[in-house]
């Protein structure tokens, strides 16, 4: 089986979390988070721009993660629930 590359990860069915918040001046902005990558967030003035452009930031982040040898998250891997048996033997 070939190594999973950047294109593989970019095309996974990530769980997007969309929302609206206010900036420091009280102006609304839209954001997209990815459930499987808690450190990922992309912000834009409109939800359309956020949807249109978040993949560029995702590509950069995944590239760095791959180059660093980080453990790569994937949608569908159940990592929401801690492994209580190993944490609390």
Protein backbone atom coordinates (compact mmCIF):
# COMPACT_ATOMS: atom_id res chain seq x y z
CA UNK A 1 0.00 0.00 0.00
CA UNK A 2 1.39 3.40 -0.97
CA UNK A 3 2.10 6.02 1.66
CA UNK A 4 -0.74 8.41 2.32
CA UNK A 5 0.23 11.73 0.77
CA UNK A 6 -1.01 15.31 0.98
CA UNK A 7 -3.67 14.78 -1.70
CA UNK A 8 -5.01 11.80 0.23
CA UNK A 9 -5.48 13.87 3.39
CA UNK A 10 -6.84 16.93 1.56
CA UNK A 11 -9.60 14.87 -0.02
CA UNK A 12 -10.82 13.17 3.15
CA UNK A 13 -14.36 13.89 4.32
CA UNK A 14 -13.41 16.16 7.21
CA UNK A 15 -16.06 17.14 9.76
CA UNK A 16 -16.47 20.89 9.31
CA UNK A 17 -17.82 23.01 12.13
CA UNK A 18 -19.07 26.38 10.92
CA UNK A 19 -19.91 29.29 13.16
CA UNK A 20 -20.12 33.04 13.60
CA UNK A 21 -18.37 35.15 16.21
CA UNK A 22 -17.54 38.81 16.78
CA UNK A 23 -14.13 40.40 16.31
CA UNK A 24 -12.62 42.89 18.77
CA UNK A 25 -14.61 45.71 17.15
CA UNK A 26 -17.91 43.84 17.46
CA UNK A 27 -18.09 42.96 13.75
CA UNK A 28 -19.27 39.46 12.85
CA UNK A 29 -16.94 37.01 11.13
CA UNK A 30 -17.44 33.41 10.03
CA UNK A 31 -15.16 30.54 10.93
CA UNK A 32 -14.62 26.94 9.96
CA UNK A 33 -13.09 24.46 12.34
CA UNK A 34 -12.26 20.83 11.62
CA UNK A 35 -13.40 18.44 14.34
CA UNK A 36 -10.55 15.99 13.72
CA UNK A 37 -7.88 18.74 13.88
CA UNK A 38 -8.66 20.78 17.02
CA UNK A 39 -5.94 23.35 16.30
CA UNK A 40 -7.40 24.22 12.87
CA UNK A 41 -9.58 27.30 12.39
CA UNK A 42 -10.12 29.49 9.34
CA UNK A 43 -11.88 32.87 9.50
CA UNK A 44 -13.43 35.07 6.83
CA UNK A 45 -15.96 37.91 6.56
CA UNK A 46 -18.57 35.66 4.91
CA UNK A 47 -19.32 31.96 5.17
CA UNK A 48 -19.00 31.70 1.39
CA UNK A 49 -15.42 33.04 1.54
CA UNK A 50 -14.61 30.74 4.43
CA UNK A 51 -15.88 27.69 2.53
CA UNK A 52 -14.08 28.81 -0.61
CA UNK A 53 -10.69 29.38 1.02
CA UNK A 54 -10.23 27.16 4.09
CA UNK A 55 -8.64 24.35 2.04
CA UNK A 56 -5.59 26.50 1.29
CA UNK A 57 -4.86 26.81 5.02
CA UNK A 58 -5.68 23.12 5.52
CA UNK A 59 -3.16 22.22 2.80
CA UNK A 60 -0.44 24.26 4.53
CA UNK A 61 -1.21 22.74 7.92
CA UNK A 62 -1.29 19.17 6.61
CA UNK A 63 2.00 19.76 4.75
CA UNK A 64 3.70 20.84 7.97
CA UNK A 65 2.21 17.91 9.88
CA UNK A 66 3.42 15.43 7.24
CA UNK A 67 6.91 16.97 7.11
CA UNK A 68 7.13 16.92 10.91
CA UNK A 69 6.09 13.28 11.09
CA UNK A 70 3.07 14.14 13.26
CA UNK A 71 0.35 11.56 13.80
CA UNK A 72 -2.18 12.31 11.09
CA UNK A 73 -5.83 12.46 12.11
CA UNK A 74 -8.49 11.02 9.83
CA UNK A 75 -12.27 11.36 9.81
CA UNK A 76 -14.01 8.26 11.09
CA UNK A 77 -11.25 7.34 13.52
CA UNK A 78 -12.98 7.44 16.88
CA UNK A 79 -10.60 9.62 18.84
CA UNK A 80 -13.30 11.58 20.66
CA UNK A 81 -13.42 9.25 23.62
CA UNK A 82 -10.21 8.76 25.63
CA UNK A 83 -8.93 5.23 26.13
CA UNK A 84 -10.03 5.07 29.76
CA UNK A 85 -8.53 1.62 30.32
CA UNK A 86 -5.03 2.86 29.60
CA UNK A 87 -5.59 6.11 31.52
CA UNK A 88 -7.19 4.52 34.58
CA UNK A 89 -5.95 0.95 34.94
